[in-house]
C-alpha atoms as a PDB file:
ATOM      1  CA  MET A   1      -0.226   0.022  -0.297  1.00  0.00           C
ATOM      2  CA  SER A   2       1.979   3.705  -1.222  1.00  0.00           C
ATOM      3  CA  GLU A   3       1.422   5.975   1.450  1.00  0.00           C
ATOM      4  CA  ILE A   4       2.532  10.436   0.405  1.00  0.00           C
ATOM      5  CA  VAL A   5       5.538  10.909   1.726  1.00  0.00           C
ATOM      6  CA  GLU A   6       8.045  14.277   1.499  1.00  0.00           C
ATOM      7  CA  ARG A   7      10.080  13.914  -1.063  1.00  0.00           C
ATOM      8  CA  SER A   8      13.185  15.341   1.314  1.00  0.00           C
ATOM      9  CA  SER A   9      12.956  12.253   3.397  1.00  0.00           C
ATOM     10  CA  LEU A  10      14.716   9.760   0.952  1.00  0.00           C
ATOM     11  CA  ASP A  11      18.029   8.865   1.738  1.00  0.00           C
ATOM     12  CA  LEU A  12      19.358   8.767  -2.248  1.00  0.00           C
ATOM     13  CA  ARG A  13      22.591   6.627  -1.356  1.00  0.00           C
ATOM     14  CA  TYR A  14      21.130   4.199  -4.337  1.00  0.00           C
ATOM     15  CA  GLU A  15      21.068   6.464  -7.106  1.00  0.00           C
ATOM     16  CA  GLY A  16      24.468   5.432  -8.225  1.00  0.00           C
ATOM     17  CA  HIS A  17      23.212   1.917  -9.124  1.00  0.00           C
ATOM     18  CA  ARG A  18      21.034   2.958 -11.596  1.00  0.00           C
ATOM     19  CA  LEU A  19      22.057   3.872 -14.637  1.00  0.00           C
ATOM     20  CA  ARG A  20      21.268   7.526 -15.912  1.00  0.00           C
ATOM     21  CA  ASP A  21      19.099   8.179 -19.187  1.00  0.00           C
ATOM     22  CA  ASP A  22      18.373  11.726 -20.075  1.00  0.00           C
ATOM     23  CA  ALA A  23      16.552  11.815 -22.786  1.00  0.00           C
ATOM     24  CA  ARG A  24      13.977   8.855 -20.422  1.00  0.00           C
ATOM     25  CA  GLU A  25      13.735  11.460 -17.672  1.00  0.00           C
ATOM     26  CA  ALA A  26      12.799  14.208 -19.943  1.00  0.00           C
ATOM     27  CA  ARG A  27      10.122  12.596 -21.090  1.00  0.00           C
ATOM     28  CA  LEU A  28       8.940  10.930 -18.292  1.00  0.00           C
ATOM     29  CA  LEU A  29       9.026  14.781 -16.871  1.00  0.00           C
ATOM     30  CA  ALA A  30       6.271  16.066 -19.246  1.00  0.00           C
ATOM     31  CA  SER A  31       4.602  13.165 -18.295  1.00  0.00           C
ATOM     32  CA  ILE A  32       4.510  13.948 -14.481  1.00  0.00           C
ATOM     33  CA  ALA A  33       3.838  17.776 -15.208  1.00  0.00           C
ATOM     34  CA  GLN A  34       0.925  16.369 -16.969  1.00  0.00           C
ATOM     35  CA  ARG A  35      -0.748  13.442 -14.517  1.00  0.00           C
ATOM     36  CA  GLY A  36       1.349  13.578 -11.216  1.00  0.00           C
ATOM     37  CA  ILE A  37       3.680  10.592 -10.492  1.00  0.00           C
ATOM     38  CA  GLU A  38       1.419   7.294 -11.524  1.00  0.00           C
ATOM     39  CA  THR A  39       3.463   4.947  -9.778  1.00  0.00           C
ATOM     40  CA  PRO A  40       4.719   5.377  -6.325  1.00  0.00           C
ATOM     41  CA  LEU A  41       9.075   4.824  -5.902  1.00  0.00           C
ATOM     42  CA  GLU A  42      10.217   1.603  -3.809  1.00  0.00           C
ATOM     43  CA  GLY A  43      12.645   2.152  -0.194  1.00  0.00           C
ATOM     44  CA  VAL A  44      13.410   0.498   2.586  1.00  0.00           C
ATOM     45  CA  ASP A  45      12.711   2.180   6.026  1.00  0.00           C
ATOM     46  CA  THR A  46      15.696   1.611   7.994  1.00  0.00           C
ATOM     47  CA  PRO A  47      16.352   2.846  11.343  1.00  0.00           C
ATOM     48  CA  GLU A  48      19.142   4.457  10.210  1.00  0.00           C
ATOM     49  CA  GLY A  49      16.335   6.422   7.136  1.00  0.00           C
ATOM     50  CA  ARG A  50      14.026   5.814   4.326  1.00  0.00           C
ATOM     51  CA  PHE A  51      16.428   4.530   1.449  1.00  0.00           C
ATOM     52  CA  LEU A  52      15.007   4.719  -2.460  1.00  0.00           C
ATOM     53  CA  LEU A  53      15.796   1.935  -4.582  1.00  0.00           C
ATOM     54  CA  ASN A  54      13.462   3.029  -7.643  1.00  0.00           C
ATOM     55  CA  GLY A  55      12.072   5.366  -8.954  1.00  0.00           C
ATOM     56  CA  PHE A  56      15.455   8.114  -9.002  1.00  0.00           C
ATOM     57  CA  LYS A  57      13.713   9.561 -12.287  1.00  0.00           C
ATOM     58  CA  ARG A  58      10.981  10.217 -10.776  1.00  0.00           C
ATOM     59  CA  TRP A  59      12.460  11.944  -7.987  1.00  0.00           C
ATOM     60  CA  ARG A  60      14.420  14.279  -9.587  1.00  0.00           C
ATOM     61  CA  SER A  61      11.309  14.985 -11.859  1.00  0.00           C
ATOM     62  CA  ALA A  62       9.101  16.565  -9.293  1.00  0.00           C
ATOM     63  CA  LYS A  63      12.140  17.827  -7.541  1.00  0.00           C
ATOM     64  CA  LYS A  64      12.496  20.013 -10.980  1.00  0.00           C
ATOM     65  CA  LEU A  65       8.579  20.871 -10.474  1.00  0.00           C
ATOM     66  CA  GLY A  66       8.303  21.486  -7.137  1.00  0.00           C
ATOM     67  CA  LEU A  67       5.949  18.620  -5.752  1.00  0.00           C
ATOM     68  CA  GLU A  68       7.349  18.020  -2.064  1.00  0.00           C
ATOM     69  CA  GLY A  69       4.862  14.977  -1.561  1.00  0.00           C
ATOM     70  CA  VAL A  70       6.272  11.557  -3.524  1.00  0.00           C
ATOM     71  CA  PRO A  71       3.862   8.442  -3.435  1.00  0.00           C
ATOM     72  CA  TYR A  72       6.023   6.018  -1.741  1.00  0.00           C
ATOM     73  CA  ILE A  73       6.383   1.862  -1.393  1.00  0.00           C
ATOM     74  CA  SER A  74       8.581   0.166   1.120  1.00  0.00           C
ATOM     75  CA  LEU A  75      10.079  -2.194   0.802  1.00  0.00           C
ATOM     76  CA  GLY A  76      10.822  -3.694   3.855  1.00  0.00           C
ATOM     77  CA  GLU A  77      13.481  -2.504   6.728  1.00  0.00           C
ATOM     78  CA  GLU A  78      16.643  -4.164   6.155  1.00  0.00           C
ATOM     79  CA  GLU A  79      18.589  -3.049   3.060  1.00  0.00           C
ATOM     80  CA  ALA A  80      19.238  -6.193   2.161  1.00  0.00           C
ATOM     81  CA  MET A  81      15.846  -7.914   1.838  1.00  0.00           C
ATOM     82  CA  GLY A  82      15.121  -4.346   0.458  1.00  0.00           C
ATOM     83  CA  ILE A  83      17.122  -4.956  -2.554  1.00  0.00           C
ATOM     84  CA  LEU A  84      16.140  -8.850  -2.893  1.00  0.00           C
ATOM     85  CA  SER A  85      12.348  -7.937  -3.227  1.00  0.00           C
ATOM     86  CA  LEU A  86      12.890  -5.679  -5.799  1.00  0.00           C
ATOM     87  CA  MET A  87      14.961  -7.769  -8.155  1.00  0.00           C
ATOM     88  CA  ARG A  88      12.728 -10.510  -7.401  1.00  0.00           C
ATOM     89  CA  GLY A  89      10.227  -8.077  -8.450  1.00  0.00           C
ATOM     90  CA  ALA A  90      11.797  -6.205 -11.104  1.00  0.00           C
ATOM     91  CA  THR A  91      11.466  -7.746 -15.414  1.00  0.00           C
ATOM     92  CA  ASP A  92      14.488  -7.553 -16.746  1.00  0.00           C
ATOM     93  CA  LYS A  93      13.606  -4.245 -19.099  1.00  0.00           C
ATOM     94  CA  ALA A  94      12.578  -2.599 -15.496  1.00  0.00           C
ATOM     95  CA  LEU A  95      16.036  -3.890 -13.723  1.00  0.00           C
ATOM     96  CA  SER A  96      18.965  -3.436 -16.286  1.00  0.00           C
ATOM     97  CA  LEU A  97      21.431  -6.209 -16.557  1.00  0.00           C
ATOM     98  CA  LEU A  98      23.860  -3.920 -14.686  1.00  0.00           C
ATOM     99  CA  GLU A  99      21.799  -2.824 -12.845  1.00  0.00           C
ATOM    100  CA  GLN A 100      21.624  -6.097 -11.383  1.00  0.00           C
ATOM    101  CA  ALA A 101      25.033  -6.748 -11.103  1.00  0.00           C
ATOM    102  CA  ARG A 102      25.540  -3.882  -8.854  1.00  0.00           C
ATOM    103  CA  PHE A 103      23.149  -4.246  -6.360  1.00  0.00           C
ATOM    104  CA  ILE A 104      25.224  -8.300  -6.408  1.00  0.00           C
ATOM    105  CA  ALA A 105      27.880  -6.863  -5.554  1.00  0.00           C
ATOM    106  CA  ASP A 106      26.792  -5.055  -2.347  1.00  0.00           C
ATOM    107  CA  LEU A 107      24.746  -8.230  -1.315  1.00  0.00           C
ATOM    108  CA  LEU A 108      28.028  -9.862  -1.717  1.00  0.00           C
ATOM    109  CA  THR A 109      30.406  -7.548  -0.507  1.00  0.00           C
ATOM    110  CA  VAL A 110      27.943  -5.407   1.498  1.00  0.00           C
ATOM    111  CA  HIS A 111      25.537  -7.410   3.776  1.00  0.00           C
ATOM    112  CA  GLY A 112      27.364 -10.867   3.464  1.00  0.00           C
ATOM    113  CA  LEU A 113      24.703 -12.709   1.501  1.00  0.00           C
ATOM    114  CA  SER A 114      26.835 -16.000  -0.438  1.00  0.00           C
ATOM    115  CA  LEU A 115      26.430 -16.669  -4.366  1.00  0.00           C
ATOM    116  CA  PRO A 116      24.284 -19.499  -3.553  1.00  0.00           C
ATOM    117  CA  GLU A 117      22.020 -17.604  -0.865  1.00  0.00           C
ATOM    118  CA  ILE A 118      21.538 -14.863  -3.827  1.00  0.00           C
ATOM    119  CA  ALA A 119      20.009 -16.931  -6.366  1.00  0.00           C
ATOM    120  CA  GLU A 120      17.537 -18.987  -3.760  1.00  0.00           C
ATOM    121  CA  LYS A 121      16.336 -15.658  -2.853  1.00  0.00           C
ATOM    122  CA  VAL A 122      15.468 -14.035  -6.138  1.00  0.00           C
ATOM    123  CA  SER A 123      14.764 -17.257  -7.525  1.00  0.00           C
ATOM    124  CA  ARG A 124      17.598 -17.863 -10.050  1.00  0.00           C
ATOM    125  CA  SER A 125      20.700 -20.295 -11.005  1.00  0.00           C
ATOM    126  CA  ASN A 126      23.613 -19.710  -9.442  1.00  0.00           C
ATOM    127  CA  GLY A 127      25.599 -19.036 -12.950  1.00  0.00           C
ATOM    128  CA  TRP A 128      22.977 -15.971 -13.175  1.00  0.00           C
ATOM    129  CA  VAL A 129      24.432 -14.664 -10.454  1.00  0.00           C
ATOM    130  CA  SER A 130      27.475 -15.168 -11.012  1.00  0.00           C
ATOM    131  CA  MET A 131      27.061 -14.169 -14.732  1.00  0.00           C
ATOM    132  CA  ARG A 132      26.356 -10.273 -13.343  1.00  0.00           C
ATOM    133  CA  LYS A 133      29.144 -10.355 -10.666  1.00  0.00           C
ATOM    134  CA  GLN A 134      31.606 -11.403 -12.833  1.00  0.00           C
ATOM    135  CA  LEU A 135      30.564  -8.474 -15.839  1.00  0.00           C
ATOM    136  CA  LEU A 136      31.321  -5.991 -13.129  1.00  0.00           C
ATOM    137  CA  GLU A 137      34.882  -6.964 -12.394  1.00  0.00           C
ATOM    138  CA  GLU A 138      35.641  -7.297 -15.613  1.00  0.00           C
ATOM    139  CA  MET A 139      35.297  -3.391 -15.330  1.00  0.00           C
ATOM    140  CA  SER A 140      37.358  -0.732 -14.499  1.00  0.00           C
ATOM    141  CA  PRO A 141      36.039   1.795 -11.859  1.00  0.00           C
ATOM    142  CA  ALA A 142      36.166   4.378 -14.886  1.00  0.00           C
ATOM    143  CA  ILE A 143      34.561   2.292 -17.061  1.00  0.00           C
ATOM    144  CA  GLN A 144      31.210   1.498 -14.451  1.00  0.00           C
ATOM    145  CA  GLU A 145      31.797   5.200 -14.162  1.00  0.00           C
ATOM    146  CA  LEU A 146      30.825   6.679 -17.815  1.00  0.00           C
ATOM    147  CA  LEU A 147      28.228   3.662 -18.040  1.00  0.00           C
ATOM    148  CA  PHE A 148      26.046   3.993 -15.187  1.00  0.00           C
ATOM    149  CA  ARG A 149      26.061   7.754 -15.328  1.00  0.00           C
ATOM    150  CA  GLY A 150      24.452   7.696 -19.403  1.00  0.00           C
ATOM    151  CA  ALA A 151      27.923   9.282 -21.169  1.00  0.00           C
ATOM    152  CA  PHE A 152      28.588   5.726 -22.644  1.00  0.00           C
ATOM    153  CA  PRO A 153      25.621   3.902 -24.348  1.00  0.00           C
ATOM    154  CA  VAL A 154      25.488   0.380 -22.680  1.00  0.00           C
ATOM    155  CA  TYR A 155      24.052  -1.580 -25.716  1.00  0.00           C
ATOM    156  CA  CYS A 156      27.747  -0.288 -27.392  1.00  0.00           C
ATOM    157  CA  TYR A 157      29.897  -1.608 -23.968  1.00  0.00           C
ATOM    158  CA  MET A 158      28.778  -4.533 -23.820  1.00  0.00           C
ATOM    159  CA  TYR A 159      27.588  -5.832 -27.715  1.00  0.00           C
ATOM    160  CA  THR A 160      30.772  -3.218 -29.755  1.00  0.00           C
ATOM    161  CA  LEU A 161      33.587  -3.511 -27.055  1.00  0.00           C
ATOM    162  CA  ARG A 162      33.209  -6.864 -25.074  1.00  0.00           C
ATOM    163  CA  PRO A 163      33.690  -8.745 -28.381  1.00  0.00           C
ATOM    164  CA  PHE A 164      36.802  -6.390 -29.300  1.00  0.00           C
ATOM    165  CA  ARG A 165      38.453  -7.853 -25.854  1.00  0.00           C
ATOM    166  CA  ARG A 166      37.154 -11.557 -26.069  1.00  0.00           C
ATOM    167  CA  MET A 167      38.177 -12.246 -30.089  1.00  0.00           C
ATOM    168  CA  ASN A 168      41.013  -9.642 -30.197  1.00  0.00           C
ATOM    169  CA  ALA A 169      42.765 -10.099 -27.078  1.00  0.00           C
ATOM    170  CA  ILE A 170      42.211  -6.198 -26.215  1.00  0.00           C
ATOM    171  CA  SER A 171      43.383  -5.127 -22.677  1.00  0.00           C
ATOM    172  CA  PRO A 172      41.049  -2.957 -20.020  1.00  0.00           C
ATOM    173  CA  ASP A 173      43.199  -0.591 -20.607  1.00  0.00           C
ATOM    174  CA  GLU A 174      42.693   0.250 -24.493  1.00  0.00           C
ATOM    175  CA  ILE A 175      38.767   0.261 -23.497  1.00  0.00           C
ATOM    176  CA  GLU A 176      39.021   2.609 -21.343  1.00  0.00           C
ATOM    177  CA  ARG A 177      41.277   4.943 -23.383  1.00  0.00           C
ATOM    178  CA  PHE A 178      38.306   4.361 -26.551  1.00  0.00           C
ATOM    179  CA  MET A 179      35.283   4.897 -24.098  1.00  0.00           C
ATOM    180  CA  LYS A 180      37.124   8.346 -22.327  1.00  0.00           C
ATOM    181  CA  ALA A 181      38.201   9.441 -25.919  1.00  0.00           C
ATOM    182  CA  VAL A 182      34.666   9.064 -27.484  1.00  0.00           C
ATOM    183  CA  ALA A 183      32.089   9.564 -24.179  1.00  0.00           C
ATOM    184  CA  GLY A 184      30.317  12.585 -24.262  1.00  0.00           C
ATOM    185  CA  PRO A 185      27.867  13.893 -26.403  1.00  0.00           C
ATOM    186  CA  ARG A 186      25.289  11.760 -27.257  1.00  0.00           C
ATOM    187  CA  ARG A 187      26.584   9.210 -30.576  1.00  0.00           C
ATOM    188  CA  THR A 188      24.913   7.016 -32.441  1.00  0.00           C
ATOM    189  CA  VAL A 189      25.022   3.123 -32.133  1.00  0.00           C
ATOM    190  CA  ARG A 190      26.485   3.346 -35.175  1.00  0.00           C
ATOM    191  CA  ASP A 191      29.130   6.047 -35.331  1.00  0.00           C
ATOM    192  CA  ILE A 192      30.521   4.319 -32.222  1.00  0.00           C
ATOM    193  CA  GLU A 193      30.713   1.045 -34.000  1.00  0.00           C
ATOM    194  CA  LEU A 194      32.494   2.967 -36.531  1.00  0.00           C
ATOM    195  CA  LEU A 195      34.877   4.373 -34.462  1.00  0.00           C
ATOM    196  CA  ALA A 196      35.960   0.788 -32.363  1.00  0.00           C
ATOM    197  CA  GLN A 197      36.248  -0.828 -35.478  1.00  0.00           C
ATOM    198  CA  GLY A 198      39.115   1.979 -36.385  1.00  0.00           C
ATOM    199  CA  TYR A 199      40.738   2.158 -33.271  1.00  0.00           C
ATOM    200  CA  PHE A 200      40.933  -1.105 -33.026  1.00  0.00           C
ATOM    201  CA  ARG A 201      41.631  -2.391 -36.533  1.00  0.00           C
ATOM    202  CA  GLY A 202      42.447   0.369 -37.877  1.00  0.00           C
ATOM    203  CA  PRO A 203      46.296   1.457 -38.704  1.00  0.00           C
ATOM    204  CA  PRO A 204      47.601   3.186 -36.127  1.00  0.00           C
ATOM    205  CA  SER A 205      47.234   7.190 -37.523  1.00  0.00           C
ATOM    206  CA  LEU A 206      43.471   6.721 -37.378  1.00  0.00           C
ATOM    207  CA  ARG A 207      43.534   5.460 -33.881  1.00  0.00           C
ATOM    208  CA  GLU A 208      45.692   8.827 -32.828  1.00  0.00           C
ATOM    209  CA  ALA A 209      43.006  10.937 -34.332  1.00  0.00           C
ATOM    210  CA  ILE A 210      40.457   9.181 -32.652  1.00  0.00           C
ATOM    211  CA  ALA A 211      42.170   9.051 -29.383  1.00  0.00           C
ATOM    212  CA  GLY A 212      43.150  12.798 -29.732  1.00  0.00           C
ATOM    213  CA  GLY A 213      39.733  13.670 -30.192  1.00  0.00           C
ATOM    214  CA  LYS A 214      39.192  14.258 -33.724  1.00  0.00           C
ATOM    215  CA  LEU A 215      35.566  11.787 -34.304  1.00  0.00           C
ATOM    216  CA  ALA A 216      34.245  13.796 -36.914  1.00  0.00           C
ATOM    217  CA  TRP A 217      37.702  13.827 -38.939  1.00  0.00           C
ATOM    218  CA  SER A 218      37.700  10.149 -38.250  1.00  0.00           C
ATOM    219  CA  LEU A 219      34.301   9.269 -39.129  1.00  0.00           C
ATOM    220  CA  GLU A 220      34.806  10.761 -42.426  1.00  0.00           C
ATOM    221  CA  GLN A 221      37.529   8.789 -43.633  1.00  0.00           C
ATOM    222  CA  MET A 222      35.511   5.809 -41.594  1.00  0.00           C
ATOM    223  CA  LYS A 223      32.585   6.569 -43.831  1.00  0.00           C
ATOM    224  CA  ARG A 224      34.433   6.513 -47.281  1.00  0.00           C
ATOM    225  CA  VAL A 225      35.105   2.522 -46.882  1.00  0.00           C
ATOM    226  CA  PRO A 226      32.597   0.254 -48.193  1.00  0.00           C
ATOM    227  CA  GLU A 227      30.561  -1.531 -45.174  1.00  0.00           C
ATOM    228  CA  ASP A 228      30.395  -4.900 -47.324  1.00  0.00           C
ATOM    229  CA  HIS A 229      32.702  -6.531 -49.854  1.00  0.00           C
ATOM    230  CA  GLU A 230      30.000  -5.449 -52.167  1.00  0.00           C
ATOM    231  CA  GLY A 231      32.451  -4.958 -55.766  1.00  0.00           C
ATOM    232  CA  CYS A 232      35.054  -7.667 -54.683  1.00  0.00           C
ATOM    233  CA  ASN A 233      35.532 -11.240 -56.720  1.00  0.00           C
ATOM    234  CA  GLU A 234      35.340 -13.839 -54.978  1.00  0.00           C
ATOM    235  CA  PHE A 235      38.951 -14.517 -54.722  1.00  0.00           C
ATOM    236  CA  GLU A 236      39.391 -10.890 -53.377  1.00  0.00           C
ATOM    237  CA  ARG A 237      36.479 -11.261 -50.619  1.00  0.00           C
ATOM    238  CA  VAL A 238      38.445 -14.611 -49.510  1.00  0.00           C
ATOM    239  CA  LEU A 239      41.756 -12.940 -48.950  1.00  0.00           C
ATOM    240  CA  LEU A 240      40.734 -10.236 -47.159  1.00  0.00           C
ATOM    241  CA  ASN A 241      39.155 -12.736 -44.583  1.00  0.00           C
ATOM    242  CA  ASP A 242      41.661 -14.457 -44.302  1.00  0.00           C
ATOM    243  CA  LEU A 243      43.539 -11.251 -43.810  1.00  0.00           C
ATOM    244  CA  GLN A 244      41.978 -10.527 -40.719  1.00  0.00           C
ATOM    245  CA  ILE A 245      41.987 -13.918 -39.479  1.00  0.00           C
ATOM    246  CA  LEU A 246      45.810 -13.600 -39.374  1.00  0.00           C
ATOM    247  CA  ARG A 247      46.130 -10.402 -38.069  1.00  0.00           C
ATOM    248  CA  LYS A 248      43.632 -11.735 -34.959  1.00  0.00           C
ATOM    249  CA  TYR A 249      46.033 -15.366 -34.639  1.00  0.00           C
ATOM    250  CA  LEU A 250      49.072 -13.011 -34.867  1.00  0.00           C
ATOM    251  CA  LYS A 251      47.700 -10.630 -31.772  1.00  0.00           C
ATOM    252  CA  ARG A 252      47.025 -14.199 -29.616  1.00  0.00           C
ATOM    253  CA  VAL A 253      50.073 -15.820 -30.453  1.00  0.00           C
ATOM    254  CA  LEU A 254      52.018 -12.594 -29.369  1.00  0.00           C
ATOM    255  CA  LEU A 255      49.842 -12.603 -26.321  1.00  0.00           C
ATOM    256  CA  LYS A 256      50.529 -16.456 -25.957  1.00  0.00           C
ATOM    257  CA  CYS A 257      53.867 -16.819 -25.858  1.00  0.00           C
ATOM    258  CA  GLN A 258      55.038 -15.202 -22.652  1.00  0.00           C
ATOM    259  CA  ASP A 259      51.968 -16.572 -20.363  1.00  0.00           C
ATOM    260  CA  GLN A 260      53.881 -18.352 -17.530  1.00  0.00           C
ATOM    261  CA  ARG A 261      51.983 -21.589 -17.764  1.00  0.00           C
ATOM    262  CA  LEU A 262      54.520 -23.007 -20.877  1.00  0.00           C
ATOM    263  CA  GLN A 263      56.107 -25.159 -19.256  1.00  0.00           C
ATOM    264  CA  SER A 264      56.367 -28.712 -20.034  1.00  0.00           C
ATOM    265  CA  ARG A 265      59.176 -29.946 -22.387  1.00  0.00           C
ATOM    266  CA  ALA A 266      56.871 -32.084 -24.882  1.00  0.00           C
ATOM    267  CA  PHE A 267      54.876 -28.334 -25.409  1.00  0.00           C
ATOM    268  CA  TYR A 268      58.342 -26.642 -26.174  1.00  0.00           C
ATOM    269  CA  ALA A 269      59.755 -29.603 -28.039  1.00  0.00           C
ATOM    270  CA  GLN A 270      56.716 -29.329 -30.466  1.00  0.00           C
ATOM    271  CA  ALA A 271      57.146 -25.181 -30.611  1.00  0.00           C
ATOM    272  CA  ASN A 272      60.494 -25.376 -31.208  1.00  0.00           C
ATOM    273  CA  LEU A 273      59.656 -27.540 -34.714  1.00  0.00           C
ATOM    274  CA  LEU A 274      56.585 -24.746 -35.144  1.00  0.00           C
ATOM    275  CA  THR A 275      58.048 -21.904 -34.807  1.00  0.00           C
ATOM    276  CA  GLY A 276      61.111 -22.658 -36.829  1.00  0.00           C
ATOM    277  CA  GLY A 277      59.341 -23.328 -39.949  1.00  0.00           C
ATOM    278  CA  LEU A 278      57.433 -19.832 -38.925  1.00  0.00           C
ATOM    279  CA  LEU A 279      61.028 -18.349 -39.116  1.00  0.00           C
ATOM    280  CA  SER A 280      62.123 -19.948 -42.314  1.00  0.00           C
ATOM    281  CA  GLN A 281      59.103 -18.474 -43.882  1.00  0.00           C
ATOM    282  CA  TRP A 282      59.508 -14.724 -42.003  1.00  0.00           C
ATOM    283  CA  GLU A 283      61.450 -12.319 -44.625  1.00  0.00           C
ATOM    284  CA  PRO A 284      59.597 -13.438 -47.537  1.00  0.00           C
ATOM    285  CA  PHE A 285      56.114 -12.927 -45.956  1.00  0.00           C
ATOM    286  CA  CYS A 286      57.296  -9.605 -44.851  1.00  0.00           C
ATOM    287  CA  GLU A 287      58.952  -8.268 -47.864  1.00  0.00           C
ATOM    288  CA  ARG A 288      55.443  -9.663 -49.164  1.00  0.00           C
ATOM    289  CA  MET A 289      53.524  -7.940 -46.797  1.00  0.00           C
ATOM    290  CA  ARG A 290      55.067  -4.537 -47.565  1.00  0.00           C
ATOM    291  CA  GLU A 291      55.295  -4.792 -51.247  1.00  0.00           C
ATOM    292  CA  PHE A 292      51.115  -5.877 -50.938  1.00  0.00           C
ATOM    293  CA  TYR A 293      50.658  -2.731 -48.481  1.00  0.00           C
ATOM    294  CA  ASP A 294      52.595  -0.221 -51.036  1.00  0.00           C
ATOM    295  CA  ARG A 295      50.392  -1.160 -53.686  1.00  0.00           C
ATOM    296  CA  SER A 296      46.915  -1.393 -51.444  1.00  0.00           C
ATOM    297  CA  GLY A 297      47.672   1.927 -50.182  1.00  0.00           C
ATOM    298  CA  HIS A 298      47.857   3.816 -54.051  1.00  0.00           C
ATOM    299  CA  ALA A 299      44.182   2.739 -54.019  1.00  0.00           C
ATOM    300  CA  LYS A 300      41.408   5.026 -54.378  1.00  0.00           C
ATOM    301  CA  CYS A 301      39.480   4.238 -51.454  1.00  0.00           C
ATOM    302  CA  ASP A 302      42.381   3.610 -48.880  1.00  0.00           C
ATOM    303  CA  LEU A 303      42.217   5.827 -45.813  1.00  0.00           C
ATOM    304  CA  PRO A 304      43.959   9.477 -46.154  1.00  0.00           C
ATOM    305  CA  ASN A 305      47.116   9.945 -43.867  1.00  0.00           C
ATOM    306  CA  ALA A 306      46.390  11.760 -40.895  1.00  0.00           C
ATOM    307  CA  PRO A 307      46.531  15.194 -40.665  1.00  0.00           C
ATOM    308  CA  GLY A 308      49.394  16.783 -39.538  1.00  0.00           C
ATOM    309  CA  GLY A 309      52.797  14.450 -41.598  1.00  0.00           C
ATOM    310  CA  ASP A 310      53.061  11.180 -42.928  1.00  0.00           C
ATOM    311  CA  VAL A 311      52.048   8.303 -41.435  1.00  0.00           C
ATOM    312  CA  SER A 312      53.695   5.265 -43.511  1.00  0.00           C
ATOM    313  CA  ALA A 313      55.791   4.819 -41.198  1.00  0.00           C
ATOM    314  CA  ARG A 314      53.659   3.744 -38.219  1.00  0.00           C
ATOM    315  CA  ASP A 315      51.894   2.795 -39.809  1.00  0.00           C
ATOM    316  CA  ARG A 316      53.701  -0.484 -40.125  1.00  0.00           C
ATOM    317  CA  PRO A 317      54.630  -2.890 -37.668  1.00  0.00           C
ATOM    318  CA  ALA A 318      58.401  -3.428 -36.310  1.00  0.00           C
ATOM    319  CA  VAL A 319      60.296  -5.769 -38.420  1.00  0.00           C
ATOM    320  CA  PRO A 320      63.225  -7.128 -37.130  1.00  0.00           C
ATOM    321  CA  ASP A 321      66.785  -6.171 -38.757  1.00  0.00           C
ATOM    322  CA  GLN A 322      68.487  -9.844 -37.938  1.00  0.00           C
ATOM    323  CA  PRO A 323      68.242 -12.445 -40.019  1.00  0.00           C
ATOM    324  CA  PRO A 324      65.678 -15.052 -38.383  1.00  0.00           C
ATOM    325  CA  HIS A 325      66.840 -17.985 -37.180  1.00  0.00           C
ATOM    326  CA  GLY A 326      66.633 -21.017 -40.156  1.00  0.00           C
ATOM    327  CA  ALA A 327      66.074 -18.170 -42.848  1.00  0.00           C
ATOM    328  CA  GLU A 328      69.176 -16.845 -45.905  1.00  0.00           C
ATOM    329  CA  GLY A 329      71.378 -13.873 -44.257  1.00  0.00           C
ATOM    330  CA  ARG A 330      70.319 -11.628 -46.071  1.00  0.00           C
ATOM    331  CA  PRO A 331      69.241  -8.480 -44.705  1.00  0.00           C
ATOM    332  CA  PRO A 332      65.532  -7.640 -45.865  1.00  0.00           C
ATOM    333  CA  THR A 333      64.855  -5.103 -48.932  1.00  0.00           C
ATOM    334  CA  ARG A 334      63.273  -1.992 -47.646  1.00  0.00           C
ATOM    335  CA  ARG A 335      60.540   0.045 -49.350  1.00  0.00           C
ATOM    336  CA  SER A 336      59.198   3.163 -47.660  1.00  0.00           C
ATOM    337  CA  GLY A 337      55.355   2.999 -46.624  1.00  0.00           C
ATOM    338  CA  ALA A 338      52.382   4.443 -49.169  1.00  0.00           C
ATOM    339  CA  HIS A 339      49.717   7.035 -49.287  1.00  0.00           C
ATOM    340  CA  GLY A 340      49.639   5.977 -47.145  1.00  0.00           C
ATOM    341  CA  ALA A 341       5.150  12.914 -23.407  1.00  0.00           C
ATOM    342  CA  GLU A 342       4.961   9.076 -23.362  1.00  0.00           C
ATOM    343  CA  ARG A 343       3.743   6.302 -20.656  1.00  0.00           C
ATOM    344  CA  GLN A 344       5.694   6.702 -17.259  1.00  0.00           C
ATOM    345  CA  ASP A 345       9.252   4.566 -16.870  1.00  0.00           C
ATOM    346  CA  PRO A 346       8.547   2.586 -13.318  1.00  0.00           C
ATOM    347  CA  ARG A 347      11.981   3.172 -13.602  1.00  0.00           C
END
């Protein structure tokens, strides 16, 4: 049963557990101005105070409109029980994945509940709770802050950046740097996807431009590149796919070669044979790649150089000057690079 309480009596310490959405909040403000608050706010009445858990957009809208009294429902007298009650009654649409994850983190660390206890009390599986716990753990505090204050779209983080991290071994620091560079004014999902492709897969010149805040210029360059392989023949499409696969596995091998888990003699015996064969092909491979890079750089569909100088040398991976093991003793021939009011949302 709801009651009318003073807006100022509600403690907002859990406000940071809920995602900001300025556009939705603006629509909600218009709705409340016309019809008032139709869905009660929810919280817990503890001896320390009345803590708001659900309804922060309505609370802020009421403050802007000068409404002193707001409808309110108590979910109990204990914070943990109130949070569990909110999670039990809320659908995934009303309480987002990240919001669930942050509440679960509080239940585990602040209120001392175990993972199986949370799963039982919210009628979910252990895996459901564990997945949300791990999701929050993989984010740095800076990434969490950007997402929860609405500076970077959650959808883009979940479905654009996380796959980059898993498939291409991108470090969390790189993800954070990209998000900080792109965060700010509202951008379309498509623009962020293009910028992510340029930052994580494009040449260093494009990455530097994005990191330096030249987002409009970077988007212009990315939009000049066809989105698909239309116009390529079958052989060209296969080679483009092979190049993408090669780049992916080069990164994986470079990272794994230094792993401390590589210990067995059987592994090193086989790895030595394989790496010897690779090194014997390294010089002709690098020379062919340099030639192909120069030739493709002359095509009219290539990305222009970043403003401020030639980027051909920076856009190439470093190649060792010494002849590798198993190769002929001649140094590789180097070539210079080419040019390179709607219905009110309970949230």
